[in-house]
C-alpha atoms as a PDB file:
ATOM      1  CA  UNK A   1     -10.369   8.007 -15.913  1.00  0.00           C
ATOM      2  CA  UNK A   2      -6.971   8.582 -14.251  1.00  0.00           C
ATOM      3  CA  UNK A   3      -6.908  10.352 -10.748  1.00  0.00           C
ATOM      4  CA  UNK A   4      -4.831  13.567 -11.470  1.00  0.00           C
ATOM      5  CA  UNK A   5      -3.267  13.531  -8.227  1.00  0.00           C
ATOM      6  CA  UNK A   6      -1.972  10.625  -8.715  1.00  0.00           C
ATOM      7  CA  UNK A   7      -0.147  11.473 -11.897  1.00  0.00           C
ATOM      8  CA  UNK A   8       1.457  14.303 -10.545  1.00  0.00           C
ATOM      9  CA  UNK A   9       2.626  12.267  -7.410  1.00  0.00           C
ATOM     10  CA  UNK A  10       3.709   9.308  -9.265  1.00  0.00           C
ATOM     11  CA  UNK A  11       6.302  11.466 -11.600  1.00  0.00           C
ATOM     12  CA  UNK A  12       8.107  12.340  -8.107  1.00  0.00           C
ATOM     13  CA  UNK A  13       7.875   9.258  -6.056  1.00  0.00           C
ATOM     14  CA  UNK A  14      10.747   7.088  -6.306  1.00  0.00           C
ATOM     15  CA  UNK A  15      11.313   3.645  -5.733  1.00  0.00           C
ATOM     16  CA  UNK A  16      13.048   4.437  -2.561  1.00  0.00           C
ATOM     17  CA  UNK A  17       9.970   6.247  -1.264  1.00  0.00           C
ATOM     18  CA  UNK A  18       7.836   3.262  -1.802  1.00  0.00           C
ATOM     19  CA  UNK A  19      10.433   1.150   0.106  1.00  0.00           C
ATOM     20  CA  UNK A  20      10.399   3.358   3.201  1.00  0.00           C
ATOM     21  CA  UNK A  21       6.664   3.582   3.011  1.00  0.00           C
ATOM     22  CA  UNK A  22       6.599  -0.140   3.260  1.00  0.00           C
ATOM     23  CA  UNK A  23       8.856   0.005   6.073  1.00  0.00           C
ATOM     24  CA  UNK A  24       6.903   2.394   8.067  1.00  0.00           C
ATOM     25  CA  UNK A  25       3.804   0.236   7.428  1.00  0.00           C
ATOM     26  CA  UNK A  26       5.433  -2.745   8.468  1.00  0.00           C
ATOM     27  CA  UNK A  27       5.885  -1.019  11.729  1.00  0.00           C
ATOM     28  CA  UNK A  28       2.400   0.243  12.414  1.00  0.00           C
ATOM     29  CA  UNK A  29       0.914  -2.962  11.547  1.00  0.00           C
ATOM     30  CA  UNK A  30       3.110  -4.976  14.065  1.00  0.00           C
ATOM     31  CA  UNK A  31       3.885  -7.929  11.954  1.00  0.00           C
ATOM     32  CA  UNK A  32       0.132  -8.554  11.235  1.00  0.00           C
ATOM     33  CA  UNK A  33       0.831  -8.647   7.323  1.00  0.00           C
ATOM     34  CA  UNK A  34       3.794 -10.632   6.100  1.00  0.00           C
ATOM     35  CA  UNK A  35       5.643  -9.691   3.163  1.00  0.00           C
ATOM     36  CA  UNK A  36       3.917  -6.380   2.510  1.00  0.00           C
ATOM     37  CA  UNK A  37       4.544  -5.216  -0.923  1.00  0.00           C
ATOM     38  CA  UNK A  38       3.251  -1.913  -2.450  1.00  0.00           C
ATOM     39  CA  UNK A  39       3.294  -1.954  -6.125  1.00  0.00           C
ATOM     40  CA  UNK A  40       2.602   1.272  -7.851  1.00  0.00           C
ATOM     41  CA  UNK A  41       0.941   0.972 -11.273  1.00  0.00           C
ATOM     42  CA  UNK A  42      -0.884   3.201 -13.664  1.00  0.00           C
ATOM     43  CA  UNK A  43      -4.063   3.508 -11.646  1.00  0.00           C
ATOM     44  CA  UNK A  44      -2.497   3.545  -8.112  1.00  0.00           C
ATOM     45  CA  UNK A  45      -1.201   1.345  -5.525  1.00  0.00           C
ATOM     46  CA  UNK A  46      -1.826  -2.498  -5.263  1.00  0.00           C
ATOM     47  CA  UNK A  47      -1.281  -3.965  -1.771  1.00  0.00           C
ATOM     48  CA  UNK A  48       0.374  -7.333  -1.642  1.00  0.00           C
ATOM     49  CA  UNK A  49       1.333  -9.616   1.403  1.00  0.00           C
ATOM     50  CA  UNK A  50      -0.004 -12.317   3.473  1.00  0.00           C
ATOM     51  CA  UNK A  51      -2.443 -11.774   6.752  1.00  0.00           C
ATOM     52  CA  UNK A  52      -3.941 -14.199   9.098  1.00  0.00           C
ATOM     53  CA  UNK A  53      -7.262 -12.187   9.307  1.00  0.00           C
ATOM     54  CA  UNK A  54      -9.435  -9.735   7.178  1.00  0.00           C
ATOM     55  CA  UNK A  55      -9.124  -7.435   9.818  1.00  0.00           C
ATOM     56  CA  UNK A  56      -5.521  -7.160   9.478  1.00  0.00           C
ATOM     57  CA  UNK A  57      -6.091  -6.781   5.556  1.00  0.00           C
ATOM     58  CA  UNK A  58      -8.418  -3.884   6.311  1.00  0.00           C
ATOM     59  CA  UNK A  59      -5.880  -2.553   8.917  1.00  0.00           C
ATOM     60  CA  UNK A  60      -3.238  -2.496   6.199  1.00  0.00           C
ATOM     61  CA  UNK A  61      -5.336  -0.731   3.732  1.00  0.00           C
ATOM     62  CA  UNK A  62      -6.296   2.152   6.051  1.00  0.00           C
ATOM     63  CA  UNK A  63      -2.576   2.611   6.973  1.00  0.00           C
ATOM     64  CA  UNK A  64      -1.794   2.965   3.257  1.00  0.00           C
ATOM     65  CA  UNK A  65      -4.784   5.465   2.653  1.00  0.00           C
ATOM     66  CA  UNK A  66      -3.404   7.306   5.957  1.00  0.00           C
ATOM     67  CA  UNK A  67       0.254   7.641   4.565  1.00  0.00           C
ATOM     68  CA  UNK A  68      -0.426   8.517   0.949  1.00  0.00           C
ATOM     69  CA  UNK A  69      -2.703  10.440  -1.391  1.00  0.00           C
ATOM     70  CA  UNK A  70      -2.367   7.856  -4.216  1.00  0.00           C
ATOM     71  CA  UNK A  71      -5.434   6.044  -4.651  1.00  0.00           C
ATOM     72  CA  UNK A  72      -5.597   2.115  -3.986  1.00  0.00           C
ATOM     73  CA  UNK A  73      -6.137   0.077  -7.185  1.00  0.00           C
ATOM     74  CA  UNK A  74      -6.343  -2.999  -5.391  1.00  0.00           C
ATOM     75  CA  UNK A  75      -5.865  -4.945  -2.276  1.00  0.00           C
ATOM     76  CA  UNK A  76      -4.449  -8.501  -2.972  1.00  0.00           C
ATOM     77  CA  UNK A  77      -3.251  -9.197   0.690  1.00  0.00           C
ATOM     78  CA  UNK A  78      -4.143 -13.031   0.977  1.00  0.00           C
ATOM     79  CA  UNK A  79      -5.947 -14.072   4.070  1.00  0.00           C
ATOM     80  CA  UNK A  80      -4.756 -17.594   5.171  1.00  0.00           C
END
């Protein structure tokens, strides 16, 4: 089942809005996640990038949750 709020929001969310969100999140994360990308799909946002710790990965997920009402489909940030 699709999240109804996600369906309404995705129709009005432009690529430029996602790009701006990525920039804001990079600032909030203070460089803890490199190459942060937010990919909007049918079921929500997928986070991608590279972090040095699981804590940084978790911080990124919580930052996205604070900034948007879209559901998080997956957190694919690689920890290495």
